[in-house]
Amino acid sequence: METTPITPGHSSLLPSRVGKAPEGEGFKELVERYLEEVNDLQQQADKAVFELVSGRTDNLHQVVAAISEADLSFRLMMQIRNKLLDAYKEIMRMQV
């Protein structure tokens, strides 16, 4: 059985478009795209909950999956933000 190494592009927790940046795309654009995708996942989860509550769907598994995906993506975003802030603080403490 062949195993595939887990890379940031392979992770199901990462939004699908984050893996590879188009030519000429900067860090700012990468972060903006990631934030937009996290927001989209949150909106999809909200829509799934609304549809469940309103009786339009009875697929509880799909609703729970959408909520879990949005939650994990949001947690990952917060961890990335924390690491970026830590790196910024470390750079600011450096002696020149």
N, C-alpha and C. Protein backbone atom coordinates (compact mmCIF):
# COMPACT_ATOMS: atom_id res chain seq x y z
N MET A 1 0.84 -1.18 0.00
CA MET A 1 0.00 0.00 0.00
C MET A 1 0.88 1.24 0.00
N GLU A 2 0.69 2.08 -0.97
CA GLU A 2 1.50 3.29 -1.12
C GLU A 2 0.87 4.42 -0.32
N THR A 3 1.70 5.13 0.44
CA THR A 3 1.19 6.27 1.20
C THR A 3 1.57 7.56 0.51
N THR A 4 0.71 8.53 0.62
CA THR A 4 0.95 9.84 0.05
C THR A 4 1.32 10.78 1.17
N PRO A 5 2.44 11.51 1.04
CA PRO A 5 2.81 12.45 2.10
C PRO A 5 1.78 13.57 2.19
N ILE A 6 1.55 14.01 3.40
CA ILE A 6 0.61 15.09 3.62
C ILE A 6 1.35 16.41 3.45
N THR A 7 0.88 17.20 2.53
CA THR A 7 1.45 18.51 2.28
C THR A 7 0.37 19.55 2.41
N PRO A 8 0.72 20.85 2.57
CA PRO A 8 -0.31 21.87 2.70
C PRO A 8 -1.32 21.85 1.56
N GLY A 9 -0.92 21.51 0.36
CA GLY A 9 -1.84 21.45 -0.75
C GLY A 9 -2.77 20.25 -0.69
N HIS A 10 -2.38 19.19 0.07
CA HIS A 10 -3.17 17.98 0.18
C HIS A 10 -4.20 18.05 1.30
N SER A 11 -3.99 18.89 2.27
CA SER A 11 -4.84 18.91 3.44
C SER A 11 -6.26 19.30 3.10
N SER A 12 -7.20 18.56 3.63
CA SER A 12 -8.61 18.90 3.40
C SER A 12 -9.02 20.08 4.26
N LEU A 13 -8.21 20.44 5.24
CA LEU A 13 -8.53 21.59 6.07
C LEU A 13 -8.20 22.90 5.38
N LEU A 14 -7.26 22.86 4.47
CA LEU A 14 -6.90 24.07 3.75
C LEU A 14 -7.86 24.30 2.60
N PRO A 15 -8.26 25.52 2.39
CA PRO A 15 -9.09 25.79 1.23
C PRO A 15 -8.40 25.35 -0.05
N SER A 16 -9.16 24.95 -1.02
CA SER A 16 -8.62 24.33 -2.22
C SER A 16 -7.72 25.26 -3.03
N ARG A 17 -7.93 26.54 -2.97
CA ARG A 17 -7.17 27.47 -3.82
C ARG A 17 -5.89 27.95 -3.17
N VAL A 18 -5.60 27.58 -1.93
CA VAL A 18 -4.44 28.11 -1.23
C VAL A 18 -3.14 27.45 -1.66
N GLY A 19 -3.18 26.20 -2.10
CA GLY A 19 -1.99 25.41 -2.40
C GLY A 19 -0.96 26.10 -3.26
N LYS A 20 -1.35 26.62 -4.41
CA LYS A 20 -0.39 27.21 -5.33
C LYS A 20 -0.85 28.61 -5.71
N ALA A 21 0.07 29.54 -5.61
CA ALA A 21 -0.24 30.93 -5.95
C ALA A 21 0.01 31.16 -7.43
N PRO A 22 -0.88 31.88 -8.09
CA PRO A 22 -0.63 32.24 -9.49
C PRO A 22 0.62 33.10 -9.60
N GLU A 23 1.20 33.09 -10.77
CA GLU A 23 2.42 33.87 -11.02
C GLU A 23 2.17 35.34 -10.70
N GLY A 24 3.06 35.92 -9.92
CA GLY A 24 2.97 37.35 -9.60
C GLY A 24 2.07 37.67 -8.42
N GLU A 25 1.45 36.66 -7.83
CA GLU A 25 0.59 36.92 -6.69
C GLU A 25 1.43 37.09 -5.44
N GLY A 26 1.14 38.12 -4.67
CA GLY A 26 1.89 38.38 -3.47
C GLY A 26 1.24 37.79 -2.23
N PHE A 27 1.90 38.00 -1.11
CA PHE A 27 1.41 37.48 0.16
C PHE A 27 0.05 38.06 0.50
N LYS A 28 -0.12 39.33 0.25
CA LYS A 28 -1.39 40.00 0.56
C LYS A 28 -2.55 39.33 -0.19
N GLU A 29 -2.35 39.08 -1.47
CA GLU A 29 -3.41 38.46 -2.28
C GLU A 29 -3.70 37.03 -1.80
N LEU A 30 -2.64 36.31 -1.41
CA LEU A 30 -2.81 34.95 -0.91
C LEU A 30 -3.66 34.96 0.36
N VAL A 31 -3.36 35.87 1.28
CA VAL A 31 -4.12 35.97 2.52
C VAL A 31 -5.56 36.38 2.24
N GLU A 32 -5.75 37.32 1.32
CA GLU A 32 -7.11 37.76 0.98
C GLU A 32 -7.93 36.60 0.40
N ARG A 33 -7.33 35.82 -0.48
CA ARG A 33 -8.03 34.67 -1.05
C ARG A 33 -8.40 33.66 0.03
N TYR A 34 -7.48 33.41 0.93
CA TYR A 34 -7.75 32.46 2.01
C TYR A 34 -8.88 32.96 2.89
N LEU A 35 -8.85 34.24 3.25
CA LEU A 35 -9.92 34.81 4.08
C LEU A 35 -11.27 34.73 3.38
N GLU A 36 -11.28 34.99 2.09
CA GLU A 36 -12.53 34.89 1.33
C GLU A 36 -13.07 33.46 1.35
N GLU A 37 -12.18 32.49 1.21
CA GLU A 37 -12.63 31.10 1.20
C GLU A 37 -13.12 30.67 2.58
N VAL A 38 -12.46 31.11 3.63
CA VAL A 38 -12.94 30.82 4.99
C VAL A 38 -14.32 31.43 5.19
N ASN A 39 -14.48 32.66 4.73
CA ASN A 39 -15.79 33.32 4.82
C ASN A 39 -16.85 32.56 4.04
N ASP A 40 -16.50 32.09 2.84
CA ASP A 40 -17.45 31.31 2.04
C ASP A 40 -17.87 30.03 2.77
N LEU A 41 -16.92 29.37 3.41
CA LEU A 41 -17.25 28.15 4.16
C LEU A 41 -18.18 28.46 5.33
N GLN A 42 -17.95 29.59 5.99
CA GLN A 42 -18.82 30.00 7.09
C GLN A 42 -20.24 30.26 6.58
N GLN A 43 -20.34 30.93 5.44
CA GLN A 43 -21.65 31.23 4.86
C GLN A 43 -22.36 29.95 4.42
N GLN A 44 -21.62 29.00 3.86
CA GLN A 44 -22.22 27.73 3.46
C GLN A 44 -22.75 26.97 4.68
N ALA A 45 -22.00 27.01 5.78
CA ALA A 45 -22.45 26.35 7.00
C ALA A 45 -23.71 27.02 7.54
N ASP A 46 -23.74 28.34 7.53
CA ASP A 46 -24.93 29.07 7.97
C ASP A 46 -26.14 28.72 7.11
N LYS A 47 -25.93 28.64 5.81
CA LYS A 47 -27.01 28.29 4.89
C LYS A 47 -27.51 26.87 5.16
N ALA A 48 -26.59 25.94 5.41
CA ALA A 48 -26.97 24.56 5.68
C ALA A 48 -27.80 24.47 6.96
N VAL A 49 -27.41 25.21 8.00
CA VAL A 49 -28.17 25.22 9.25
C VAL A 49 -29.55 25.81 9.02
N PHE A 50 -29.61 26.91 8.28
CA PHE A 50 -30.90 27.55 7.99
C PHE A 50 -31.83 26.59 7.25
N GLU A 51 -31.28 25.89 6.27
CA GLU A 51 -32.09 24.95 5.51
C GLU A 51 -32.58 23.79 6.38
N LEU A 52 -31.75 23.35 7.33
CA LEU A 52 -32.17 22.29 8.23
C LEU A 52 -33.28 22.77 9.16
N VAL A 53 -33.10 23.95 9.72
CA VAL A 53 -34.09 24.49 10.65
C VAL A 53 -35.41 24.80 9.96
N SER A 54 -35.32 25.29 8.73
CA SER A 54 -36.54 25.65 8.00
C SER A 54 -37.23 24.43 7.39
N GLY A 55 -36.63 23.25 7.47
CA GLY A 55 -37.25 22.04 6.97
C GLY A 55 -37.01 21.77 5.49
N ARG A 56 -36.16 22.54 4.85
CA ARG A 56 -35.88 22.34 3.43
C ARG A 56 -35.01 21.11 3.18
N THR A 57 -34.27 20.71 4.19
CA THR A 57 -33.43 19.51 4.07
C THR A 57 -33.52 18.71 5.36
N ASP A 58 -33.31 17.43 5.26
CA ASP A 58 -33.28 16.59 6.46
C ASP A 58 -31.96 15.82 6.55
N ASN A 59 -30.99 16.25 5.77
CA ASN A 59 -29.68 15.59 5.73
C ASN A 59 -28.79 16.18 6.82
N LEU A 60 -28.92 15.64 8.01
CA LEU A 60 -28.16 16.13 9.16
C LEU A 60 -26.66 15.94 8.97
N HIS A 61 -26.28 14.84 8.33
CA HIS A 61 -24.86 14.56 8.11
C HIS A 61 -24.20 15.68 7.29
N GLN A 62 -24.87 16.13 6.25
CA GLN A 62 -24.33 17.19 5.40
C GLN A 62 -24.20 18.50 6.18
N VAL A 63 -25.15 18.80 7.03
CA VAL A 63 -25.10 20.02 7.84
C VAL A 63 -23.94 19.96 8.83
N VAL A 64 -23.79 18.83 9.50
CA VAL A 64 -22.70 18.67 10.46
C VAL A 64 -21.35 18.75 9.75
N ALA A 65 -21.26 18.17 8.57
CA ALA A 65 -20.00 18.22 7.81
C ALA A 65 -19.67 19.66 7.41
N ALA A 66 -20.66 20.43 6.98
CA ALA A 66 -20.42 21.83 6.59
C ALA A 66 -19.98 22.65 7.80
N ILE A 67 -20.61 22.42 8.94
CA ILE A 67 -20.23 23.14 10.16
C ILE A 67 -18.82 22.77 10.58
N SER A 68 -18.49 21.49 10.54
CA SER A 68 -17.16 21.03 10.93
C SER A 68 -16.08 21.60 10.01
N GLU A 69 -16.35 21.59 8.72
CA GLU A 69 -15.38 22.12 7.76
C GLU A 69 -15.15 23.61 7.99
N ALA A 70 -16.23 24.36 8.22
CA ALA A 70 -16.11 25.79 8.48
C ALA A 70 -15.36 26.04 9.78
N ASP A 71 -15.65 25.25 10.81
CA ASP A 71 -14.99 25.41 12.10
C ASP A 71 -13.50 25.12 12.01
N LEU A 72 -13.13 24.03 11.36
CA LEU A 72 -11.72 23.69 11.23
C LEU A 72 -10.96 24.72 10.39
N SER A 73 -11.59 25.19 9.34
CA SER A 73 -10.96 26.20 8.50
C SER A 73 -10.75 27.50 9.28
N PHE A 74 -11.74 27.86 10.10
CA PHE A 74 -11.62 29.08 10.92
C PHE A 74 -10.53 28.92 11.96
N ARG A 75 -10.47 27.75 12.60
CA ARG A 75 -9.42 27.52 13.59
C ARG A 75 -8.03 27.58 12.96
N LEU A 76 -7.90 27.00 11.78
CA LEU A 76 -6.62 27.07 11.07
C LEU A 76 -6.25 28.51 10.75
N MET A 77 -7.23 29.28 10.31
CA MET A 77 -6.98 30.70 10.01
C MET A 77 -6.50 31.43 11.26
N MET A 78 -7.12 31.15 12.41
CA MET A 78 -6.71 31.81 13.65
C MET A 78 -5.30 31.41 14.06
N GLN A 79 -4.93 30.16 13.85
CA GLN A 79 -3.57 29.72 14.18
C GLN A 79 -2.54 30.37 13.27
N ILE A 80 -2.89 30.51 12.00
CA ILE A 80 -2.00 31.20 11.07
C ILE A 80 -1.83 32.65 11.49
N ARG A 81 -2.94 33.30 11.85
CA ARG A 81 -2.88 34.69 12.33
C ARG A 81 -1.98 34.80 13.55
N ASN A 82 -2.13 33.88 14.50
CA ASN A 82 -1.31 33.92 15.71
C ASN A 82 0.18 33.76 15.39
N LYS A 83 0.50 32.84 14.48
CA LYS A 83 1.89 32.64 14.09
C LYS A 83 2.46 33.88 13.40
N LEU A 84 1.64 34.51 12.55
CA LEU A 84 2.09 35.73 11.88
C LEU A 84 2.33 36.85 12.89
N LEU A 85 1.46 36.98 13.86
CA LEU A 85 1.66 38.00 14.89
C LEU A 85 2.92 37.72 15.72
N ASP A 86 3.14 36.46 16.06
CA ASP A 86 4.35 36.10 16.79
C ASP A 86 5.60 36.43 15.98
N ALA A 87 5.57 36.13 14.69
CA ALA A 87 6.72 36.44 13.83
C ALA A 87 6.94 37.94 13.74
N TYR A 88 5.87 38.70 13.62
CA TYR A 88 5.98 40.16 13.56
C TYR A 88 6.59 40.70 14.85
N LYS A 89 6.11 40.21 15.99
CA LYS A 89 6.64 40.67 17.27
C LYS A 89 8.12 40.32 17.41
N GLU A 90 8.50 39.14 16.95
CA GLU A 90 9.90 38.73 17.01
C GLU A 90 10.77 39.63 16.13
N ILE A 91 10.29 39.97 14.97
CA ILE A 91 11.03 40.86 14.08
C ILE A 91 11.18 42.23 14.72
N MET A 92 10.15 42.71 15.37
CA MET A 92 10.20 44.02 15.99
C MET A 92 11.17 44.05 17.17
N ARG A 93 11.41 42.92 17.81
CA ARG A 93 12.36 42.85 18.92
C ARG A 93 13.81 42.75 18.46
N MET A 94 14.02 42.49 17.18
CA MET A 94 15.39 42.32 16.70
C MET A 94 16.19 43.62 16.78
N GLN A 95 17.44 43.45 17.15
CA GLN A 95 18.36 44.58 17.18
C GLN A 95 18.98 44.75 15.80
N VAL A 96 19.01 45.96 15.34
CA VAL A 96 19.59 46.21 14.01
C VAL A 96 20.99 46.73 14.15
